[in-house]
Amino acid sequence: MNDPVPSRLALLRFLERVQERDLARTRRWILDEERREAERQRGIQARPPAPEWLIEVGLNRHTAPEYVHVGDCWNAGRRSQGISRDQARRALADGIKPCPQCQPDTALGMLD
């Protein structure tokens, strides 16, 4: 029961089919990745601009806000909300503490 040995040409044709399938799969992966990257770029472009000023609210709605921050402050907590320049100035004037790291009072020109 000896099976005939495939010819070199038959083996090369088999290899060609395998490589064509691999190439088709790789091209699908590339298309999928290009779609994901395009979606990511659209998401970045659709993202609203970061606020210039932040107010860090307390743990619950009954406590006063804790700090005023510059919009890109690395120390702003998760409970921070975007506010306008006037709101930031008003909050500082009302006694809400400026963040000691980003110093929004200096940025707003409100030093004593």
PDB file of N, CA and C in Angstrom:
ATOM      1  N   MET A   1       0.809  -1.184   0.000  1.00  0.00           N
ATOM      2  CA  MET A   1       0.000   0.000   0.000  1.00  0.00           C
ATOM      3  C   MET A   1       0.859   1.258   0.000  1.00  0.00           C
ATOM      4  N   ASN A   2       1.706   1.325  -0.846  1.00  0.00           N
ATOM      5  CA  ASN A   2       2.524   2.521  -0.974  1.00  0.00           C
ATOM      6  C   ASN A   2       1.775   3.567  -1.762  1.00  0.00           C
ATOM      7  N   ASP A   3       1.590   4.751  -1.099  1.00  0.00           N
ATOM      8  CA  ASP A   3       0.989   5.869  -1.815  1.00  0.00           C
ATOM      9  C   ASP A   3       2.060   6.492  -2.681  1.00  0.00           C
ATOM     10  N   PRO A   4       1.659   6.915  -3.859  1.00  0.00           N
ATOM     11  CA  PRO A   4       2.662   7.545  -4.711  1.00  0.00           C
ATOM     12  C   PRO A   4       3.151   8.853  -4.075  1.00  0.00           C
ATOM     13  N   VAL A   5       4.394   9.107  -4.177  1.00  0.00           N
ATOM     14  CA  VAL A   5       4.993  10.332  -3.661  1.00  0.00           C
ATOM     15  C   VAL A   5       4.571  11.478  -4.561  1.00  0.00           C
ATOM     16  N   PRO A   6       4.013  12.573  -3.940  1.00  0.00           N
ATOM     17  CA  PRO A   6       3.604  13.691  -4.786  1.00  0.00           C
ATOM     18  C   PRO A   6       4.814  14.296  -5.495  1.00  0.00           C
ATOM     19  N   SER A   7       4.567  14.789  -6.661  1.00  0.00           N
ATOM     20  CA  SER A   7       5.655  15.406  -7.415  1.00  0.00           C
ATOM     21  C   SER A   7       6.042  16.735  -6.767  1.00  0.00           C
ATOM     22  N   ARG A   8       7.198  17.170  -7.103  1.00  0.00           N
ATOM     23  CA  ARG A   8       7.694  18.467  -6.593  1.00  0.00           C
ATOM     24  C   ARG A   8       6.739  19.585  -7.018  1.00  0.00           C
ATOM     25  N   LEU A   9       6.235  19.527  -8.220  1.00  0.00           N
ATOM     26  CA  LEU A   9       5.299  20.528  -8.714  1.00  0.00           C
ATOM     27  C   LEU A   9       4.012  20.508  -7.885  1.00  0.00           C
ATOM     28  N   ALA A  10       3.493  19.329  -7.576  1.00  0.00           N
ATOM     29  CA  ALA A  10       2.276  19.228  -6.760  1.00  0.00           C
ATOM     30  C   ALA A  10       2.507  19.819  -5.377  1.00  0.00           C
ATOM     31  N   LEU A  11       3.679  19.572  -4.795  1.00  0.00           N
ATOM     32  CA  LEU A  11       4.001  20.132  -3.478  1.00  0.00           C
ATOM     33  C   LEU A  11       4.095  21.658  -3.539  1.00  0.00           C
ATOM     34  N   LEU A  12       4.702  22.170  -4.602  1.00  0.00           N
ATOM     35  CA  LEU A  12       4.801  23.621  -4.744  1.00  0.00           C
ATOM     36  C   LEU A  12       3.427  24.262  -4.949  1.00  0.00           C
ATOM     37  N   ARG A  13       2.529  23.617  -5.677  1.00  0.00           N
ATOM     38  CA  ARG A  13       1.163  24.133  -5.860  1.00  0.00           C
ATOM     39  C   ARG A  13       0.421  24.135  -4.516  1.00  0.00           C
ATOM     40  N   PHE A  14       0.623  23.091  -3.727  1.00  0.00           N
ATOM     41  CA  PHE A  14       0.013  23.033  -2.394  1.00  0.00           C
ATOM     42  C   PHE A  14       0.526  24.193  -1.534  1.00  0.00           C
ATOM     43  N   LEU A  15       1.834  24.391  -1.545  1.00  0.00           N
ATOM     44  CA  LEU A  15       2.430  25.497  -0.787  1.00  0.00           C
ATOM     45  C   LEU A  15       1.864  26.841  -1.240  1.00  0.00           C
ATOM     46  N   GLU A  16       1.691  26.986  -2.540  1.00  0.00           N
ATOM     47  CA  GLU A  16       1.131  28.221  -3.083  1.00  0.00           C
ATOM     48  C   GLU A  16      -0.280  28.466  -2.539  1.00  0.00           C
ATOM     49  N   ARG A  17      -1.133  27.437  -2.491  1.00  0.00           N
ATOM     50  CA  ARG A  17      -2.498  27.590  -1.969  1.00  0.00           C
ATOM     51  C   ARG A  17      -2.488  27.975  -0.493  1.00  0.00           C
ATOM     52  N   VAL A  18      -1.600  27.339   0.273  1.00  0.00           N
ATOM     53  CA  VAL A  18      -1.483  27.660   1.699  1.00  0.00           C
ATOM     54  C   VAL A  18      -1.057  29.118   1.879  1.00  0.00           C
ATOM     55  N   GLN A  19      -0.087  29.549   1.120  1.00  0.00           N
ATOM     56  CA  GLN A  19       0.399  30.928   1.237  1.00  0.00           C
ATOM     57  C   GLN A  19      -0.645  31.936   0.772  1.00  0.00           C
ATOM     58  N   GLU A  20      -1.419  31.589  -0.254  1.00  0.00           N
ATOM     59  CA  GLU A  20      -2.491  32.494  -0.697  1.00  0.00           C
ATOM     60  C   GLU A  20      -3.542  32.654   0.407  1.00  0.00           C
ATOM     61  N   ARG A  21      -3.890  31.559   1.093  1.00  0.00           N
ATOM     62  CA  ARG A  21      -4.843  31.659   2.203  1.00  0.00           C
ATOM     63  C   ARG A  21      -4.264  32.497   3.330  1.00  0.00           C
ATOM     64  N   ASP A  22      -2.981  32.277   3.633  1.00  0.00           N
ATOM     65  CA  ASP A  22      -2.328  33.072   4.677  1.00  0.00           C
ATOM     66  C   ASP A  22      -2.302  34.554   4.310  1.00  0.00           C
ATOM     67  N   LEU A  23      -2.010  34.842   3.048  1.00  0.00           N
ATOM     68  CA  LEU A  23      -1.978  36.230   2.595  1.00  0.00           C
ATOM     69  C   LEU A  23      -3.367  36.857   2.662  1.00  0.00           C
ATOM     70  N   ALA A  24      -4.392  36.111   2.274  1.00  0.00           N
ATOM     71  CA  ALA A  24      -5.766  36.628   2.339  1.00  0.00           C
ATOM     72  C   ALA A  24      -6.148  36.911   3.791  1.00  0.00           C
ATOM     73  N   ARG A  25      -5.784  36.011   4.704  1.00  0.00           N
ATOM     74  CA  ARG A  25      -6.077  36.224   6.121  1.00  0.00           C
ATOM     75  C   ARG A  25      -5.332  37.456   6.643  1.00  0.00           C
ATOM     76  N   THR A  26      -4.070  37.601   6.282  1.00  0.00           N
ATOM     77  CA  THR A  26      -3.287  38.762   6.716  1.00  0.00           C
ATOM     78  C   THR A  26      -3.904  40.051   6.184  1.00  0.00           C
ATOM     79  N   ARG A  27      -4.365  40.031   4.945  1.00  0.00           N
ATOM     80  CA  ARG A  27      -5.003  41.226   4.377  1.00  0.00           C
ATOM     81  C   ARG A  27      -6.305  41.556   5.105  1.00  0.00           C
ATOM     82  N   ARG A  28      -7.070  40.533   5.529  1.00  0.00           N
ATOM     83  CA  ARG A  28      -8.282  40.787   6.331  1.00  0.00           C
ATOM     84  C   ARG A  28      -7.910  41.417   7.657  1.00  0.00           C
ATOM     85  N   TRP A  29      -6.843  40.911   8.284  1.00  0.00           N
ATOM     86  CA  TRP A  29      -6.391  41.484   9.546  1.00  0.00           C
ATOM     87  C   TRP A  29      -5.988  42.950   9.364  1.00  0.00           C
ATOM     88  N   ILE A  30      -5.318  43.240   8.264  1.00  0.00           N
ATOM     89  CA  ILE A  30      -4.910  44.620   7.990  1.00  0.00           C
ATOM     90  C   ILE A  30      -6.145  45.504   7.817  1.00  0.00           C
ATOM     91  N   LEU A  31      -7.138  45.049   7.061  1.00  0.00           N
ATOM     92  CA  LEU A  31      -8.366  45.829   6.871  1.00  0.00           C
ATOM     93  C   LEU A  31      -9.080  46.056   8.197  1.00  0.00           C
ATOM     94  N   ASP A  32      -9.154  45.004   9.024  1.00  0.00           N
ATOM     95  CA  ASP A  32      -9.791  45.144  10.338  1.00  0.00           C
ATOM     96  C   ASP A  32      -9.052  46.180  11.187  1.00  0.00           C
ATOM     97  N   GLU A  33      -7.735  46.121  11.167  1.00  0.00           N
ATOM     98  CA  GLU A  33      -6.945  47.072  11.957  1.00  0.00           C
ATOM     99  C   GLU A  33      -7.099  48.490  11.419  1.00  0.00           C
ATOM    100  N   GLU A  34      -7.153  48.654  10.107  1.00  0.00           N
ATOM    101  CA  GLU A  34      -7.365  49.987   9.521  1.00  0.00           C
ATOM    102  C   GLU A  34      -8.732  50.534   9.920  1.00  0.00           C
ATOM    103  N   ARG A  35      -9.765  49.667   9.975  1.00  0.00           N
ATOM    104  CA  ARG A  35     -11.090  50.112  10.416  1.00  0.00           C
ATOM    105  C   ARG A  35     -11.061  50.553  11.879  1.00  0.00           C
ATOM    106  N   ARG A  36     -10.402  49.739  12.722  1.00  0.00           N
ATOM    107  CA  ARG A  36     -10.304  50.109  14.140  1.00  0.00           C
ATOM    108  C   ARG A  36      -9.574  51.431  14.328  1.00  0.00           C
ATOM    109  N   GLU A  37      -8.487  51.621  13.588  1.00  0.00           N
ATOM    110  CA  GLU A  37      -7.724  52.865  13.703  1.00  0.00           C
ATOM    111  C   GLU A  37      -8.555  54.058  13.223  1.00  0.00           C
ATOM    112  N   ALA A  38      -9.308  53.880  12.136  1.00  0.00           N
ATOM    113  CA  ALA A  38     -10.170  54.962  11.642  1.00  0.00           C
ATOM    114  C   ALA A  38     -11.238  55.304  12.678  1.00  0.00           C
ATOM    115  N   GLU A  39     -11.815  54.299  13.318  1.00  0.00           N
ATOM    116  CA  GLU A  39     -12.811  54.548  14.363  1.00  0.00           C
ATOM    117  C   GLU A  39     -12.181  55.285  15.541  1.00  0.00           C
ATOM    118  N   ARG A  40     -10.968  54.871  15.914  1.00  0.00           N
ATOM    119  CA  ARG A  40     -10.279  55.538  17.022  1.00  0.00           C
ATOM    120  C   ARG A  40     -10.013  57.000  16.686  1.00  0.00           C
ATOM    121  N   GLN A  41      -9.572  57.275  15.461  1.00  0.00           N
ATOM    122  CA  GLN A  41      -9.317  58.652  15.046  1.00  0.00           C
ATOM    123  C   GLN A  41     -10.605  59.480  15.043  1.00  0.00           C
ATOM    124  N   ARG A  42     -11.716  58.881  14.562  1.00  0.00           N
ATOM    125  CA  ARG A  42     -13.002  59.599  14.592  1.00  0.00           C
ATOM    126  C   ARG A  42     -13.403  59.912  16.025  1.00  0.00           C
ATOM    127  N   GLY A  43     -13.161  58.970  16.935  1.00  0.00           N
ATOM    128  CA  GLY A  43     -13.470  59.203  18.343  1.00  0.00           C
ATOM    129  C   GLY A  43     -12.647  60.331  18.928  1.00  0.00           C
ATOM    130  N   ILE A  44     -11.371  60.381  18.573  1.00  0.00           N
ATOM    131  CA  ILE A  44     -10.500  61.452  19.058  1.00  0.00           C
ATOM    132  C   ILE A  44     -10.979  62.801  18.531  1.00  0.00           C
ATOM    133  N   GLN A  45     -11.350  62.852  17.249  1.00  0.00           N
ATOM    134  CA  GLN A  45     -11.797  64.113  16.654  1.00  0.00           C
ATOM    135  C   GLN A  45     -13.146  64.549  17.206  1.00  0.00           C
ATOM    136  N   ALA A  46     -13.994  63.599  17.580  1.00  0.00           N
ATOM    137  CA  ALA A  46     -15.328  63.932  18.081  1.00  0.00           C
ATOM    138  C   ALA A  46     -15.323  64.279  19.575  1.00  0.00           C
ATOM    139  N   ARG A  47     -14.209  64.025  20.232  1.00  0.00           N
ATOM    140  CA  ARG A  47     -14.114  64.286  21.670  1.00  0.00           C
ATOM    141  C   ARG A  47     -14.238  65.787  21.928  1.00  0.00           C
ATOM    142  N   PRO A  48     -15.053  66.164  22.894  1.00  0.00           N
ATOM    143  CA  PRO A  48     -15.169  67.598  23.195  1.00  0.00           C
ATOM    144  C   PRO A  48     -13.852  68.123  23.769  1.00  0.00           C
ATOM    145  N   PRO A  49     -13.593  69.396  23.605  1.00  0.00           N
ATOM    146  CA  PRO A  49     -12.340  69.944  24.136  1.00  0.00           C
ATOM    147  C   PRO A  49     -12.322  69.856  25.666  1.00  0.00           C
ATOM    148  N   ALA A  50     -11.138  69.711  26.202  1.00  0.00           N
ATOM    149  CA  ALA A  50     -10.986  69.645  27.654  1.00  0.00           C
ATOM    150  C   ALA A  50     -11.326  71.011  28.251  1.00  0.00           C
ATOM    151  N   PRO A  51     -11.938  71.035  29.431  1.00  0.00           N
ATOM    152  CA  PRO A  51     -12.253  72.323  30.056  1.00  0.00           C
ATOM    153  C   PRO A  51     -10.969  73.032  30.502  1.00  0.00           C
ATOM    154  N   GLU A  52     -11.030  74.355  30.500  1.00  0.00           N
ATOM    155  CA  GLU A  52      -9.864  75.119  30.939  1.00  0.00           C
ATOM    156  C   GLU A  52      -9.731  75.139  32.458  1.00  0.00           C
ATOM    157  N   TRP A  53     -10.856  74.980  33.145  1.00  0.00           N
ATOM    158  CA  TRP A  53     -10.875  75.051  34.608  1.00  0.00           C
ATOM    159  C   TRP A  53     -11.746  73.926  35.148  1.00  0.00           C
ATOM    160  N   LEU A  54     -11.394  73.450  36.339  1.00  0.00           N
ATOM    161  CA  LEU A  54     -12.138  72.369  36.972  1.00  0.00           C
ATOM    162  C   LEU A  54     -12.458  72.732  38.407  1.00  0.00           C
ATOM    163  N   ILE A  55     -13.568  72.204  38.875  1.00  0.00           N
ATOM    164  CA  ILE A  55     -13.879  72.303  40.294  1.00  0.00           C
ATOM    165  C   ILE A  55     -14.061  70.877  40.799  1.00  0.00           C
ATOM    166  N   GLU A  56     -13.366  70.569  41.867  1.00  0.00           N
ATOM    167  CA  GLU A  56     -13.435  69.232  42.454  1.00  0.00           C
ATOM    168  C   GLU A  56     -14.481  69.250  43.553  1.00  0.00           C
ATOM    169  N   VAL A  57     -15.562  68.525  43.317  1.00  0.00           N
ATOM    170  CA  VAL A  57     -16.668  68.531  44.274  1.00  0.00           C
ATOM    171  C   VAL A  57     -16.388  67.559  45.404  1.00  0.00           C
ATOM    172  N   GLY A  58     -17.134  67.725  46.501  1.00  0.00           N
ATOM    173  CA  GLY A  58     -16.965  66.872  47.667  1.00  0.00           C
ATOM    174  C   GLY A  58     -17.516  65.474  47.438  1.00  0.00           C
ATOM    175  N   LEU A  59     -17.448  64.660  48.480  1.00  0.00           N
ATOM    176  CA  LEU A  59     -17.888  63.271  48.376  1.00  0.00           C
ATOM    177  C   LEU A  59     -19.387  63.132  48.147  1.00  0.00           C
ATOM    178  N   ASN A  60     -20.160  64.087  48.607  1.00  0.00           N
ATOM    179  CA  ASN A  60     -21.602  64.033  48.340  1.00  0.00           C
ATOM    180  C   ASN A  60     -22.087  65.430  48.007  1.00  0.00           C
ATOM    181  N   ARG A  61     -23.331  65.535  47.644  1.00  0.00           N
ATOM    182  CA  ARG A  61     -23.825  66.838  47.182  1.00  0.00           C
ATOM    183  C   ARG A  61     -24.036  67.847  48.311  1.00  0.00           C
ATOM    184  N   HIS A  62     -23.909  67.401  49.562  1.00  0.00           N
ATOM    185  CA  HIS A  62     -24.116  68.302  50.694  1.00  0.00           C
ATOM    186  C   HIS A  62     -22.826  68.949  51.186  1.00  0.00           C
ATOM    187  N   THR A  63     -21.691  68.527  50.660  1.00  0.00           N
ATOM    188  CA  THR A  63     -20.431  69.144  51.078  1.00  0.00           C
ATOM    189  C   THR A  63     -19.983  70.150  50.026  1.00  0.00           C
ATOM    190  N   ALA A  64     -19.231  71.120  50.485  1.00  0.00           N
ATOM    191  CA  ALA A  64     -18.736  72.168  49.585  1.00  0.00           C
ATOM    192  C   ALA A  64     -17.657  71.599  48.672  1.00  0.00           C
ATOM    193  N   PRO A  65     -17.470  72.218  47.507  1.00  0.00           N
ATOM    194  CA  PRO A  65     -16.372  71.794  46.636  1.00  0.00           C
ATOM    195  C   PRO A  65     -15.034  71.918  47.365  1.00  0.00           C
ATOM    196  N   GLU A  66     -14.095  71.082  46.982  1.00  0.00           N
ATOM    197  CA  GLU A  66     -12.816  71.049  47.692  1.00  0.00           C
ATOM    198  C   GLU A  66     -11.741  71.930  47.066  1.00  0.00           C
ATOM    199  N   TYR A  67     -11.589  71.852  45.744  1.00  0.00           N
ATOM    200  CA  TYR A  67     -10.517  72.591  45.080  1.00  0.00           C
ATOM    201  C   TYR A  67     -10.972  73.126  43.731  1.00  0.00           C
ATOM    202  N   VAL A  68     -10.293  74.187  43.311  1.00  0.00           N
ATOM    203  CA  VAL A  68     -10.377  74.674  41.934  1.00  0.00           C
ATOM    204  C   VAL A  68      -9.055  74.277  41.287  1.00  0.00           C
ATOM    205  N   HIS A  69      -9.115  73.754  40.050  1.00  0.00           N
ATOM    206  CA  HIS A  69      -7.925  73.302  39.328  1.00  0.00           C
ATOM    207  C   HIS A  69      -7.858  73.962  37.954  1.00  0.00           C
ATOM    208  N   VAL A  70      -6.648  74.060  37.432  1.00  0.00           N
ATOM    209  CA  VAL A  70      -6.461  74.366  36.013  1.00  0.00           C
ATOM    210  C   VAL A  70      -6.904  73.118  35.258  1.00  0.00           C
ATOM    211  N   GLY A  71      -7.460  73.266  34.077  1.00  0.00           N
ATOM    212  CA  GLY A  71      -8.072  72.154  33.346  1.00  0.00           C
ATOM    213  C   GLY A  71      -7.207  70.934  33.133  1.00  0.00           C
ATOM    214  N   ASP A  72      -5.906  71.100  32.967  1.00  0.00           N
ATOM    215  CA  ASP A  72      -5.051  69.939  32.716  1.00  0.00           C
ATOM    216  C   ASP A  72      -4.260  69.500  33.947  1.00  0.00           C
ATOM    217  N   CYS A  73      -4.745  69.848  35.138  1.00  0.00           N
ATOM    218  CA  CYS A  73      -4.045  69.508  36.378  1.00  0.00           C
ATOM    219  C   CYS A  73      -3.972  67.993  36.554  1.00  0.00           C
ATOM    220  N   TRP A  74      -2.799  67.500  36.838  1.00  0.00           N
ATOM    221  CA  TRP A  74      -2.594  66.070  37.045  1.00  0.00           C
ATOM    222  C   TRP A  74      -3.207  65.613  38.365  1.00  0.00           C
ATOM    223  N   ASN A  75      -3.484  66.538  39.260  1.00  0.00           N
ATOM    224  CA  ASN A  75      -3.959  66.182  40.592  1.00  0.00           C
ATOM    225  C   ASN A  75      -5.473  66.319  40.735  1.00  0.00           C
ATOM    226  N   ALA A  76      -6.155  66.673  39.677  1.00  0.00           N
ATOM    227  CA  ALA A  76      -7.618  66.814  39.760  1.00  0.00           C
ATOM    228  C   ALA A  76      -8.231  65.439  39.981  1.00  0.00           C
ATOM    229  N   GLY A  77      -9.128  65.348  40.948  1.00  0.00           N
ATOM    230  CA  GLY A  77      -9.757  64.064  41.258  1.00  0.00           C
ATOM    231  C   GLY A  77     -10.830  63.691  40.253  1.00  0.00           C
ATOM    232  N   ARG A  78     -11.339  62.481  40.425  1.00  0.00           N
ATOM    233  CA  ARG A  78     -12.382  61.987  39.516  1.00  0.00           C
ATOM    234  C   ARG A  78     -13.695  62.752  39.672  1.00  0.00           C
ATOM    235  N   ARG A  79     -13.854  63.410  40.776  1.00  0.00           N
ATOM    236  CA  ARG A  79     -15.104  64.144  41.011  1.00  0.00           C
ATOM    237  C   ARG A  79     -15.006  65.583  40.496  1.00  0.00           C
ATOM    238  N   SER A  80     -14.098  65.833  39.579  1.00  0.00           N
ATOM    239  CA  SER A  80     -13.921  67.179  39.031  1.00  0.00           C
ATOM    240  C   SER A  80     -14.852  67.398  37.855  1.00  0.00           C
ATOM    241  N   GLN A  81     -15.341  68.635  37.767  1.00  0.00           N
ATOM    242  CA  GLN A  81     -16.243  69.017  36.686  1.00  0.00           C
ATOM    243  C   GLN A  81     -15.706  70.278  36.020  1.00  0.00           C
ATOM    244  N   GLY A  82     -15.918  70.388  34.720  1.00  0.00           N
ATOM    245  CA  GLY A  82     -15.476  71.564  33.989  1.00  0.00           C
ATOM    246  C   GLY A  82     -16.302  72.786  34.351  1.00  0.00           C
ATOM    247  N   ILE A  83     -15.616  73.907  34.473  1.00  0.00           N
ATOM    248  CA  ILE A  83     -16.287  75.188  34.758  1.00  0.00           C
ATOM    249  C   ILE A  83     -15.652  76.270  33.893  1.00  0.00           C
ATOM    250  N   SER A  84     -16.343  77.399  33.811  1.00  0.00           N
ATOM    251  CA  SER A  84     -15.825  78.527  33.025  1.00  0.00           C
ATOM    252  C   SER A  84     -14.802  79.314  33.841  1.00  0.00           C
ATOM    253  N   ARG A  85     -14.115  80.202  33.157  1.00  0.00           N
ATOM    254  CA  ARG A  85     -13.136  81.067  33.823  1.00  0.00           C
ATOM    255  C   ARG A  85     -13.809  81.913  34.913  1.00  0.00           C
ATOM    256  N   ASP A  86     -14.963  82.477  34.596  1.00  0.00           N
ATOM    257  CA  ASP A  86     -15.678  83.297  35.590  1.00  0.00           C
ATOM    258  C   ASP A  86     -16.109  82.465  36.792  1.00  0.00           C
ATOM    259  N   GLN A  87     -16.573  81.248  36.547  1.00  0.00           N
ATOM    260  CA  GLN A  87     -16.964  80.379  37.650  1.00  0.00           C
ATOM    261  C   GLN A  87     -15.757  80.032  38.522  1.00  0.00           C
ATOM    262  N   ALA A  88     -14.606  79.821  37.904  1.00  0.00           N
ATOM    263  CA  ALA A  88     -13.394  79.517  38.663  1.00  0.00           C
ATOM    264  C   ALA A  88     -12.998  80.714  39.528  1.00  0.00           C
ATOM    265  N   ARG A  89     -13.050  81.903  38.949  1.00  0.00           N
ATOM    266  CA  ARG A  89     -12.709  83.112  39.715  1.00  0.00           C
ATOM    267  C   ARG A  89     -13.688  83.305  40.878  1.00  0.00           C
ATOM    268  N   ARG A  90     -14.976  83.088  40.587  1.00  0.00           N
ATOM    269  CA  ARG A  90     -15.998  83.234  41.624  1.00  0.00           C
ATOM    270  C   ARG A  90     -15.789  82.216  42.749  1.00  0.00           C
ATOM    271  N   ALA A  91     -15.483  80.971  42.386  1.00  0.00           N
ATOM    272  CA  ALA A  91     -15.270  79.925  43.389  1.00  0.00           C
ATOM    273  C   ALA A  91     -14.081  80.266  44.280  1.00  0.00           C
ATOM    274  N   LEU A  92     -12.998  80.743  43.691  1.00  0.00           N
ATOM    275  CA  LEU A  92     -11.834  81.131  44.491  1.00  0.00           C
ATOM    276  C   LEU A  92     -12.164  82.315  45.391  1.00  0.00           C
ATOM    277  N   ALA A  93     -12.920  83.277  44.844  1.00  0.00           N
ATOM    278  CA  ALA A  93     -13.316  84.440  45.650  1.00  0.00           C
ATOM    279  C   ALA A  93     -14.239  84.030  46.787  1.00  0.00           C
ATOM    280  N   ASP A  94     -15.021  82.974  46.591  1.00  0.00           N
ATOM    281  CA  ASP A  94     -15.936  82.489  47.629  1.00  0.00           C
ATOM    282  C   ASP A  94     -15.246  81.599  48.659  1.00  0.00           C
ATOM    283  N   GLY A  95     -13.937  81.397  48.524  1.00  0.00           N
ATOM    284  CA  GLY A  95     -13.194  80.670  49.540  1.00  0.00           C
ATOM    285  C   GLY A  95     -12.876  79.217  49.234  1.00  0.00           C
ATOM    286  N   ILE A  96     -13.207  78.752  48.039  1.00  0.00           N
ATOM    287  CA  ILE A  96     -12.816  77.382  47.690  1.00  0.00           C
ATOM    288  C   ILE A  96     -11.316  77.395  47.440  1.00  0.00           C
ATOM    289  N   LYS A  97     -10.620  76.422  48.000  1.00  0.00           N
ATOM    290  CA  LYS A  97      -9.165  76.411  47.959  1.00  0.00           C
ATOM    291  C   LYS A  97      -8.647  76.169  46.540  1.00  0.00           C
ATOM    292  N   PRO A  98      -7.570  76.874  46.170  1.00  0.00           N
ATOM    293  CA  PRO A  98      -6.919  76.572  44.896  1.00  0.00           C
ATOM    294  C   PRO A  98      -6.056  75.314  45.065  1.00  0.00           C
ATOM    295  N   CYS A  99      -5.957  74.535  44.046  1.00  0.00           N
ATOM    296  CA  CYS A  99      -5.102  73.340  44.082  1.00  0.00           C
ATOM    297  C   CYS A  99      -3.661  73.795  44.313  1.00  0.00           C
ATOM    298  N   PRO A 100      -2.974  73.206  45.278  1.00  0.00           N
ATOM    299  CA  PRO A 100      -1.592  73.624  45.531  1.00  0.00           C
ATOM    300  C   PRO A 100      -0.618  73.194  44.424  1.00  0.00           C
ATOM    301  N   GLN A 101      -1.005  72.228  43.588  1.00  0.00           N
ATOM    302  CA  GLN A 101      -0.103  71.780  42.538  1.00  0.00           C
ATOM    303  C   GLN A 101      -0.201  72.648  41.280  1.00  0.00           C
ATOM    304  N   CYS A 102      -1.422  72.894  40.800  1.00  0.00           N
ATOM    305  CA  CYS A 102      -1.556  73.644  39.534  1.00  0.00           C
ATOM    306  C   CYS A 102      -1.743  75.141  39.761  1.00  0.00           C
ATOM    307  N   GLN A 103      -2.055  75.557  40.953  1.00  0.00           N
ATOM    308  CA  GLN A 103      -2.186  76.969  41.350  1.00  0.00           C
ATOM    309  C   GLN A 103      -3.056  77.787  40.405  1.00  0.00           C
ATOM    310  N   PRO A 104      -4.359  77.496  40.359  1.00  0.00           N
ATOM    311  CA  PRO A 104      -5.232  78.235  39.463  1.00  0.00           C
ATOM    312  C   PRO A 104      -5.362  79.701  39.843  1.00  0.00           C
ATOM    313  N   ASP A 105      -5.162  80.022  41.118  1.00  0.00           N
ATOM    314  CA  ASP A 105      -5.241  81.427  41.507  1.00  0.00           C
ATOM    315  C   ASP A 105      -4.153  82.251  40.823  1.00  0.00           C
ATOM    316  N   THR A 106      -2.979  81.660  40.672  1.00  0.00           N
ATOM    317  CA  THR A 106      -1.881  82.341  39.956  1.00  0.00           C
ATOM    318  C   THR A 106      -2.235  82.485  38.474  1.00  0.00           C
ATOM    319  N   ALA A 107      -2.741  81.409  37.893  1.00  0.00           N
ATOM    320  CA  ALA A 107      -3.102  81.435  36.471  1.00  0.00           C
ATOM    321  C   ALA A 107      -4.212  82.433  36.192  1.00  0.00           C
ATOM    322  N   LEU A 108      -5.082  82.636  37.170  1.00  0.00           N
ATOM    323  CA  LEU A 108      -6.182  83.589  37.000  1.00  0.00           C
ATOM    324  C   LEU A 108      -5.803  85.005  37.447  1.00  0.00           C
ATOM    325  N   GLY A 109      -4.579  85.185  37.940  1.00  0.00           N
ATOM    326  CA  GLY A 109      -4.127  86.497  38.389  1.00  0.00           C
ATOM    327  C   GLY A 109      -4.821  86.959  39.641  1.00  0.00           C
ATOM    328  N   MET A 110      -5.142  86.033  40.561  1.00  0.00           N
ATOM    329  CA  MET A 110      -5.897  86.382  41.768  1.00  0.00           C
ATOM    330  C   MET A 110      -5.044  86.261  43.026  1.00  0.00           C
ATOM    331  N   LEU A 111      -3.774  86.473  42.950  1.00  0.00           N
ATOM    332  CA  LEU A 111      -2.910  86.382  44.140  1.00  0.00           C
ATOM    333  C   LEU A 111      -3.192  87.544  45.069  1.00  0.00           C
ATOM    334  N   ASP A 112      -3.082  87.261  46.362  1.00  0.00           N
ATOM    335  CA  ASP A 112      -3.274  88.322  47.372  1.00  0.00           C
ATOM    336  C   ASP A 112      -2.048  89.162  47.510  1.00  0.00           C
TER     337      ASP A 112
END
